[in-house]
Protein backbone atom coordinates (compact mmCIF):
# COMPACT_ATOMS: atom_id res chain seq x y z
CA UNK A 1 119.46 94.15 100.34
CA UNK A 2 116.74 92.73 102.52
CA UNK A 3 115.41 94.95 105.26
CA UNK A 4 114.21 93.23 108.41
CA UNK A 5 112.02 94.58 111.20
CA UNK A 6 113.30 95.49 114.62
CA UNK A 7 113.49 92.06 116.23
CA UNK A 8 114.90 91.91 119.75
CA UNK A 9 118.64 91.47 119.44
CA UNK A 10 118.64 89.03 122.36
CA UNK A 11 116.70 86.58 120.24
CA UNK A 12 119.66 86.33 117.87
CA UNK A 13 122.08 85.36 120.57
CA UNK A 14 123.75 82.07 119.53
CA UNK A 15 122.74 80.55 122.85
CA UNK A 16 119.06 81.41 122.37
CA UNK A 17 116.82 78.44 121.61
CA UNK A 18 114.53 80.69 119.54
CA UNK A 19 117.18 81.65 117.00
CA UNK A 20 116.68 78.66 114.72
CA UNK A 21 112.90 78.97 114.78
CA UNK A 22 112.99 82.68 113.89
CA UNK A 23 115.50 82.07 111.12
CA UNK A 24 113.20 79.46 109.55
CA UNK A 25 110.12 81.64 109.93
CA UNK A 26 111.45 85.09 109.04
CA UNK A 27 112.41 84.78 105.37
CA UNK A 28 109.29 82.84 104.22
CA UNK A 29 107.13 85.42 106.00
CA UNK A 30 108.94 88.27 104.24
CA UNK A 31 108.65 86.52 100.88
CA UNK A 32 104.93 85.84 101.32
CA UNK A 33 104.01 89.43 102.14
CA UNK A 34 106.33 90.89 99.52
CA UNK A 35 104.83 88.81 96.72
CA UNK A 36 101.33 89.61 98.00
CA UNK A 37 101.98 93.36 97.79
CA UNK A 38 104.14 93.37 94.65
CA UNK A 39 102.78 95.32 91.68
CA UNK A 40 104.00 93.71 88.47
CA UNK A 41 102.55 96.37 86.20
CA UNK A 42 103.78 99.84 87.13
CA UNK A 43 102.33 101.68 84.16
CA UNK A 44 100.53 104.88 85.22
CA UNK A 45 97.18 103.71 83.86
CA UNK A 46 97.36 100.41 85.75
CA UNK A 47 98.47 102.11 88.96
CA UNK A 48 95.55 104.53 88.66
CA UNK A 49 93.11 101.65 88.28
CA UNK A 50 94.64 99.94 91.30
CA UNK A 51 94.28 103.10 93.39
CA UNK A 52 90.64 103.50 92.33
CA UNK A 53 89.84 99.91 93.30
CA UNK A 54 91.64 100.23 96.61
CA UNK A 55 89.91 103.51 97.36
CA UNK A 56 86.54 101.88 96.68
CA UNK A 57 87.41 99.10 99.15
CA UNK A 58 88.27 101.69 101.80
CA UNK A 59 84.91 103.40 101.31
CA UNK A 60 83.05 100.08 101.58
CA UNK A 61 84.92 99.35 104.80
CA UNK A 62 84.07 102.82 106.16
CA UNK A 63 80.39 102.22 105.42
CA UNK A 64 80.41 99.13 107.62
CA UNK A 65 82.03 101.06 110.48
CA UNK A 66 79.36 103.76 110.25
CA UNK A 67 76.59 101.18 110.19
CA UNK A 68 78.02 99.59 113.35
CA UNK A 69 77.96 102.95 115.16
CA UNK A 70 74.54 104.28 114.15
CA UNK A 71 72.42 101.68 115.97
CA UNK A 72 68.98 102.09 117.57
CA UNK A 73 70.35 100.79 120.88
CA UNK A 74 72.50 103.94 121.05
CA UNK A 75 69.38 106.10 120.93
CA UNK A 76 69.13 106.67 117.18
CA UNK A 77 65.74 106.73 115.54
CA UNK A 78 65.07 103.25 114.06
CA UNK A 79 63.99 104.76 110.75
CA UNK A 80 67.15 106.83 110.49
CA UNK A 81 69.27 103.87 111.57
CA UNK A 82 67.65 101.67 108.91
CA UNK A 83 68.46 104.30 106.30
CA UNK A 84 72.10 104.48 107.42
CA UNK A 85 72.38 100.69 107.07
CA UNK A 86 72.58 101.34 103.35
CA UNK A 87 76.17 102.40 103.93
CA UNK A 88 76.90 98.70 104.50
CA UNK A 89 77.16 96.98 101.11
CA UNK A 90 76.41 93.52 102.53
CA UNK A 91 73.31 94.77 104.32
CA UNK A 92 72.22 96.55 101.15
CA UNK A 93 72.56 93.37 99.10
CA UNK A 94 70.83 91.19 101.68
CA UNK A 95 67.92 93.62 101.94
CA UNK A 96 67.25 93.06 98.23
CA UNK A 97 66.93 89.28 98.72
CA UNK A 98 63.29 88.22 99.14
CA UNK A 99 62.06 86.04 101.98
CA UNK A 100 62.98 83.77 103.66
CA UNK A 101 65.63 85.66 105.60
CA UNK A 102 69.02 83.94 105.66
CA UNK A 103 69.65 82.69 109.22
CA UNK A 104 72.61 84.10 111.11
CA UNK A 105 74.01 80.65 111.84
CA UNK A 106 74.86 80.24 108.16
CA UNK A 107 76.87 83.45 108.24
CA UNK A 108 78.61 82.16 111.37
CA UNK A 109 79.65 78.99 109.55
CA UNK A 110 80.76 81.06 106.54
CA UNK A 111 82.86 83.40 108.69
CA UNK A 112 84.57 80.59 110.58
CA UNK A 113 85.26 78.76 107.30
CA UNK A 114 86.84 81.84 105.74
CA UNK A 115 89.12 82.37 108.73
CA UNK A 116 90.29 78.76 108.73
CA UNK A 117 90.78 78.88 104.97
CA UNK A 118 92.91 82.04 105.21
CA UNK A 119 95.03 80.64 108.06
CA UNK A 120 95.58 77.34 106.25
CA UNK A 121 96.49 79.11 103.02
CA UNK A 122 98.96 81.38 104.85
CA UNK A 123 100.53 78.39 106.61
CA UNK A 124 100.81 76.52 103.30
CA UNK A 125 102.45 79.49 101.55
CA UNK A 126 104.96 79.95 104.37
CA UNK A 127 105.75 76.23 104.34
CA UNK A 128 106.18 76.29 100.57
CA UNK A 129 108.76 79.06 100.80
CA UNK A 130 110.55 77.20 103.58
CA UNK A 131 110.83 74.14 101.33
CA UNK A 132 111.78 76.20 98.29
CA UNK A 133 108.60 75.30 96.39
CA UNK A 134 107.49 78.73 95.20
CA UNK A 135 106.05 77.61 91.87
CA UNK A 136 102.40 77.46 92.98
CA UNK A 137 101.78 81.18 93.02
CA UNK A 138 98.02 80.71 92.76
CA UNK A 139 98.03 80.09 96.51
CA UNK A 140 99.60 83.52 97.04
CA UNK A 141 97.09 85.13 94.67
CA UNK A 142 94.26 83.42 96.56
CA UNK A 143 95.70 84.61 99.88
CA UNK A 144 95.89 88.16 98.52
CA UNK A 145 92.22 87.91 97.56
CA UNK A 146 91.31 86.66 101.02
CA UNK A 147 93.21 89.49 102.71
CA UNK A 148 91.61 92.12 100.45
CA UNK A 149 88.17 90.66 101.12
CA UNK A 150 88.38 89.78 104.80
CA UNK A 151 90.82 92.33 106.23
CA UNK A 152 90.53 95.41 104.04
CA UNK A 153 86.88 95.38 102.98
CA UNK A 154 84.51 93.21 105.04
CA UNK A 155 86.37 92.98 108.34
CA UNK A 156 83.50 94.18 110.55
CA UNK A 157 80.87 92.00 108.86
CA UNK A 158 82.98 88.85 109.15
CA UNK A 159 83.89 89.60 112.77
CA UNK A 160 80.20 90.07 113.61
CA UNK A 161 79.35 86.77 111.90
CA UNK A 162 81.98 84.96 113.96
CA UNK A 163 80.73 86.51 117.20
CA UNK A 164 77.13 85.52 116.47
CA UNK A 165 77.01 82.92 119.33
CA UNK A 166 77.95 85.63 121.83
CA UNK A 167 75.52 88.27 120.62
CA UNK A 168 72.11 88.74 122.20
CA UNK A 169 69.61 91.11 120.56
CA UNK A 170 68.58 94.21 122.46
CA UNK A 171 65.02 95.43 122.86
CA UNK A 172 65.25 97.55 119.68
CA UNK A 173 66.37 94.67 117.48
CA UNK A 174 63.69 93.08 115.33
CA UNK A 175 65.57 89.83 114.75
CA UNK A 176 65.59 87.32 117.64
CA UNK A 177 67.78 84.83 115.80
CA UNK A 178 70.29 83.61 118.41
CA UNK A 179 72.23 80.46 119.10
CA UNK A 180 69.85 79.61 121.93
CA UNK A 181 66.83 79.67 119.63
CA UNK A 182 68.59 77.23 117.31
CA UNK A 183 69.32 74.77 120.10
CA UNK A 184 65.89 74.97 121.72
CA UNK A 185 63.79 75.39 118.61
CA UNK A 186 61.78 78.05 120.43
CA UNK A 187 61.93 81.51 118.76
CA UNK A 188 61.19 83.10 122.15
CA UNK A 189 63.90 81.23 124.07
CA UNK A 190 66.11 83.44 126.28
CA UNK A 191 69.58 84.21 124.96
CA UNK A 192 72.18 82.32 127.01
CA UNK A 193 75.54 82.29 125.18
CA UNK A 194 77.22 80.46 128.08
CA UNK A 195 74.52 77.89 128.72
CA UNK A 196 75.19 74.16 128.88
CA UNK A 197 74.57 73.64 125.16
CA UNK A 198 75.90 76.94 123.85
CA UNK A 199 79.14 77.22 125.85
CA UNK A 200 81.28 75.02 123.60
CA UNK A 201 80.35 76.89 120.42
CA UNK A 202 80.76 80.25 122.19
CA UNK A 203 84.30 79.31 123.20
CA UNK A 204 85.10 78.28 119.61
CA UNK A 205 83.67 81.54 118.31
CA UNK A 206 85.76 83.53 120.78
CA UNK A 207 89.01 81.80 119.80
CA UNK A 208 88.27 82.10 116.07
CA UNK A 209 87.52 85.81 116.54
CA UNK A 210 90.83 86.32 118.35
CA UNK A 211 92.66 84.44 115.60
CA UNK A 212 90.95 86.54 112.95
CA UNK A 213 91.84 89.81 114.69
CA UNK A 214 95.47 88.69 115.12
CA UNK A 215 95.64 87.65 111.46
CA UNK A 216 94.20 91.00 110.40
CA UNK A 217 96.63 93.00 112.52
CA UNK A 218 99.59 90.98 111.25
CA UNK A 219 98.65 91.35 107.60
CA UNK A 220 97.92 95.06 108.01
CA UNK A 221 101.22 95.69 109.77
CA UNK A 222 103.47 93.51 107.63
CA UNK A 223 101.90 94.50 104.31
CA UNK A 224 103.36 97.94 104.98
CA UNK A 225 106.54 96.92 106.79
CA UNK A 226 107.85 93.87 104.97
CA UNK A 227 109.24 95.00 101.64
CA UNK A 228 112.71 93.64 100.79
CA UNK A 229 113.23 96.27 98.09
CA UNK A 230 113.79 99.97 98.41
CA UNK A 231 110.66 100.95 96.51
CA UNK A 232 108.85 102.00 99.69
CA UNK A 233 111.41 103.59 102.02
CA UNK A 234 111.10 103.41 105.80
CA UNK A 235 107.71 101.77 106.01
CA UNK A 236 108.22 100.96 109.68
CA UNK A 237 106.17 104.01 110.69
CA UNK A 238 103.30 103.48 108.29
CA UNK A 239 102.13 99.97 109.16
CA UNK A 240 101.44 100.90 112.76
CA UNK A 241 98.93 103.56 111.72
CA UNK A 242 96.79 101.19 109.66
CA UNK A 243 97.03 98.57 112.42
CA UNK A 244 95.62 101.22 114.77
CA UNK A 245 92.73 101.68 112.35
CA UNK A 246 92.06 97.95 112.56
CA UNK A 247 91.78 98.21 116.34
CA UNK A 248 89.26 101.04 115.88
CA UNK A 249 87.11 98.67 113.82
CA UNK A 250 87.34 96.08 116.58
CA UNK A 251 86.21 98.68 119.11
CA UNK A 252 83.21 99.53 116.91
CA UNK A 253 82.14 95.87 116.98
CA UNK A 254 82.69 95.40 120.71
CA UNK A 255 80.37 98.30 121.54
CA UNK A 256 77.46 96.13 120.42
CA UNK A 257 78.15 93.61 123.20
CA UNK A 258 77.86 96.11 126.06
CA UNK A 259 74.68 95.61 128.07
CA UNK A 260 74.30 98.18 130.86
CA UNK A 261 73.97 101.85 129.98
CA UNK A 262 77.08 102.81 131.93
CA UNK A 263 79.20 100.27 130.04
CA UNK A 264 77.73 101.35 126.69
CA UNK A 265 78.51 104.99 127.43
CA UNK A 266 82.04 104.07 128.51
CA UNK A 267 82.56 102.10 125.29
CA UNK A 268 81.30 105.00 123.18
CA UNK A 269 83.60 107.47 124.93
CA UNK A 270 86.50 105.06 124.44
CA UNK A 271 85.59 104.72 120.75
CA UNK A 272 85.69 108.51 120.41
CA UNK A 273 89.14 108.71 121.97
CA UNK A 274 90.34 105.69 120.00
CA UNK A 275 89.23 107.09 116.65
CA UNK A 276 90.68 110.50 117.53
CA UNK A 277 94.05 108.88 118.31
CA UNK A 278 93.96 107.01 114.99
CA UNK A 279 93.18 110.25 113.13
CA UNK A 280 96.03 112.07 114.90
CA UNK A 281 98.45 109.25 114.04
CA UNK A 282 97.34 109.36 110.41
CA UNK A 283 97.86 113.13 110.22
CA UNK A 284 101.28 112.79 111.79
CA UNK A 285 102.58 110.00 109.57
CA UNK A 286 100.44 110.01 106.38
CA UNK A 287 101.03 106.26 105.96
CA UNK A 288 100.16 105.77 102.29
CA UNK A 289 102.65 106.65 99.56
CA UNK A 290 99.80 108.04 97.48
CA UNK A 291 98.52 111.48 98.42
CA UNK A 292 95.03 110.60 97.20
CA UNK A 293 94.91 107.56 99.51
CA UNK A 294 96.04 109.69 102.43
CA UNK A 295 93.27 112.18 101.67
CA UNK A 296 90.66 109.44 101.51
CA UNK A 297 91.77 107.72 104.71
CA UNK A 298 92.00 111.05 106.55
CA UNK A 299 88.41 111.84 105.60
CA UNK A 300 87.30 108.39 106.76
CA UNK A 301 89.09 108.78 110.10
CA UNK A 302 87.39 112.06 110.93
CA UNK A 303 84.05 110.77 109.65
CA UNK A 304 84.22 107.80 112.04
CA UNK A 305 85.26 110.09 114.90
CA UNK A 306 82.24 112.31 114.24
CA UNK A 307 79.95 109.28 114.11
CA UNK A 308 81.26 108.04 117.48
CA UNK A 309 80.92 111.50 118.99
CA UNK A 310 77.37 111.84 117.64
CA UNK A 311 76.38 108.46 119.08
CA UNK A 312 77.84 109.44 122.42
CA UNK A 313 75.79 112.65 122.45
CA UNK A 314 72.58 110.90 121.40
CA UNK A 315 73.04 108.06 123.89
CA UNK A 316 73.78 110.51 126.71
CA UNK A 317 70.50 112.26 125.92
CA UNK A 318 68.47 109.05 125.93
CA UNK A 319 70.12 107.70 129.09
CA UNK A 320 67.72 109.81 131.17
CA UNK A 321 64.69 108.41 129.39
CA UNK A 322 64.32 111.39 127.06
CA UNK A 323 64.12 110.93 123.31
CA UNK A 324 66.34 113.28 121.29
CA UNK A 325 64.53 115.55 118.90
CA UNK A 326 64.48 114.41 115.31
CA UNK A 327 66.10 117.55 113.94
CA UNK A 328 69.08 117.08 116.29
CA UNK A 329 69.75 113.61 114.90
CA UNK A 330 69.26 114.90 111.36
CA UNK A 331 71.81 117.68 111.91
CA UNK A 332 74.34 115.27 113.41
CA UNK A 333 74.00 112.84 110.50
CA UNK A 334 74.08 115.61 107.89
CA UNK A 335 77.51 116.64 109.21
CA UNK A 336 79.05 113.36 108.02
CA UNK A 337 80.04 114.73 104.58
CA UNK A 338 81.41 117.90 106.20
CA UNK A 339 83.57 115.84 108.58
CA UNK A 340 84.92 113.88 105.62
CA UNK A 341 85.89 117.11 103.85
CA UNK A 342 87.52 118.47 107.01
CA UNK A 343 89.54 115.27 107.37
CA UNK A 344 90.76 115.57 103.79
CA UNK A 345 91.62 119.22 104.42
CA UNK A 346 93.67 118.35 107.49
CA UNK A 347 95.68 115.84 105.44
CA UNK A 348 96.29 118.44 102.74
CA UNK A 349 97.49 120.99 105.30
CA UNK A 350 99.89 118.42 106.75
CA UNK A 351 101.25 117.52 103.32
CA UNK A 352 101.64 121.21 102.39
CA UNK A 353 103.56 121.82 105.62
CA UNK A 354 105.92 118.98 104.76
CA UNK A 355 106.40 120.38 101.25
CA UNK A 356 107.05 123.85 102.67
CA UNK A 357 109.65 122.43 105.05
CA UNK A 358 111.38 120.61 102.20
CA UNK A 359 111.32 123.77 100.12
CA UNK A 360 112.90 125.69 102.97
CA UNK A 361 115.64 123.09 103.39
CA UNK A 362 116.28 123.03 99.65
CA UNK A 363 116.55 126.82 99.56
CA UNK A 364 119.02 126.78 102.40
CA UNK A 365 121.09 124.12 100.65
CA UNK A 366 121.17 126.15 97.43
CA UNK A 367 121.87 129.39 99.25
CA UNK A 368 124.85 128.01 101.11
CA UNK A 369 126.68 129.94 103.76
CA UNK A 370 129.57 132.33 103.99
CA UNK A 371 132.17 133.41 106.51
CA UNK A 372 132.87 136.87 107.83
CA UNK A 373 136.49 137.33 108.85
CA UNK A 374 137.27 140.73 110.24
CA UNK A 375 134.57 142.35 108.15
CA UNK A 376 135.62 140.57 104.96
CA UNK A 377 133.66 137.81 103.33
CA UNK A 378 135.24 134.49 102.43
CA UNK A 379 134.05 131.17 101.25
CA UNK A 380 133.75 128.29 103.76
CA UNK A 381 137.13 126.71 104.35
CA UNK A 382 139.12 129.75 103.29
CA UNK A 383 142.17 130.53 105.42
CA UNK A 384 142.03 133.70 107.46
CA UNK A 385 144.09 135.03 110.33
CA UNK A 386 141.21 136.89 111.98
CA UNK A 387 138.37 135.29 113.88
CA UNK A 388 135.74 134.08 111.41
CA UNK A 389 132.03 133.75 112.08
CA UNK A 390 129.32 132.15 109.99
CA UNK A 391 127.02 134.49 108.14
CA UNK A 392 123.57 133.24 107.23
CA UNK A 393 121.05 135.75 106.00
CA UNK A 394 118.15 136.12 103.69
CA UNK A 395 114.76 134.45 104.04
CA UNK A 396 116.22 131.44 105.89
CA UNK A 397 117.81 133.36 108.74
CA UNK A 398 115.12 132.22 111.19
CA UNK A 399 116.02 128.60 110.50
CA UNK A 400 119.35 129.14 112.32
CA UNK A 401 117.82 130.94 115.26
CA UNK A 402 117.99 128.55 118.24
CA UNK A 403 115.02 130.28 119.86
CA UNK A 404 112.81 129.90 116.80
CA UNK A 405 110.43 127.00 116.22
CA UNK A 406 112.01 126.56 112.80
CA UNK A 407 115.37 125.73 114.34
CA UNK A 408 114.78 121.99 114.01
CA UNK A 409 114.41 120.72 110.48
CA UNK A 410 112.02 117.95 111.59
CA UNK A 411 110.06 117.66 114.80
CA UNK A 412 110.64 113.90 115.09
CA UNK A 413 111.97 110.85 113.27
CA UNK A 414 108.50 110.23 111.86
CA UNK A 415 108.54 113.81 110.55
CA UNK A 416 111.82 113.15 108.74
CA UNK A 417 110.34 109.93 107.39
CA UNK A 418 107.29 111.83 106.17
CA UNK A 419 109.47 114.43 104.48
CA UNK A 420 111.35 111.72 102.61
CA UNK A 421 108.18 109.97 101.46
CA UNK A 422 106.53 113.25 100.47
CA UNK A 423 109.58 114.08 98.39
CA UNK A 424 109.63 110.69 96.68
CA UNK A 425 105.96 109.69 96.45
CA UNK A 426 103.52 112.39 97.55
CA UNK A 427 105.27 115.31 95.89
CA UNK A 428 103.19 118.14 94.56
CA UNK A 429 102.17 117.20 90.99
CA UNK A 430 102.52 120.85 89.97
């Protein structure tokens, strides 16, 4: 049957005025996200190709996050920062385009247009399901393409395009292309996002950015949660982890808008804690049903955490007016691959622990238990006049020791959920 999320039960009270609205909105929303995430071809070769493509999109997205963290305004050497910009695919492509440089206002128009197009397409698909007109599936396919492009892959780039009216270049930025220069026609005009001419566009950009972030969080959360079938059991834990990753990307963009050194340092420290929390949540839940995807995302999480920590260290050094030594920056950057490997290793250890726990539970189930009645053994349920006590021995004896850490089969409900998904999806291929 259909599985619904945990809506507030009060909303379904017959006297509630919101009941009819939720009833009309709920099923079309479920149908839209289910069809978007449905895989029609489940052959192993096709699934492998899908995983490879999705993994490539995750790496492209991670490159944009790293490029947003390694900025000259955080104290990084401009030459090193320019080299790290190659992690961003869009920046790499644009750098190959000869002069003239494409103005930022065109990217702003493109970003706003994409957001409006995605929202209109989503509204049209939901309305089509409400009216029972589900024959035009090309709109769903187009929406899936928009989500894969805007939310999964190029989220940071599009969000930066939309926030162009609010962004003022720092002293280390070469480009002085701002909204104020476009209105005044003077390339040296001061950046005033909330001036008389710029205020209206800045407000529009702010609202579009909020709509885009909300749309991204909703699609990330519901793509995992809303699945009417039983093919992906208990997804309610997994969507929250990827939604947390989306908020980390938002934090990486917002750091660019901090002006004073104290605020920048506070943002960088917050980004470190934020990325660490996302990594811990990923290790705890392992949200993807593919072990390879969990490995890849775990490496990306720790890589972003290391980048944020490195930027915090470098910026703290330059806050006193001292330039960090070049070899220090080189060492910090060279540790990026090592942090990725460590993140993958942490995911593997977590998966192996879940497999070991399942193996222990399976062994206990196969071993069974016996009863000791006055020194004589009997099967469970056998009648005996003497007092009978349970006998559990062997390698699983510690499992029944109330003082042992192995007394509980699972440390939490998310741990039980992980054990089930490891058993069904992420099982050891050996």
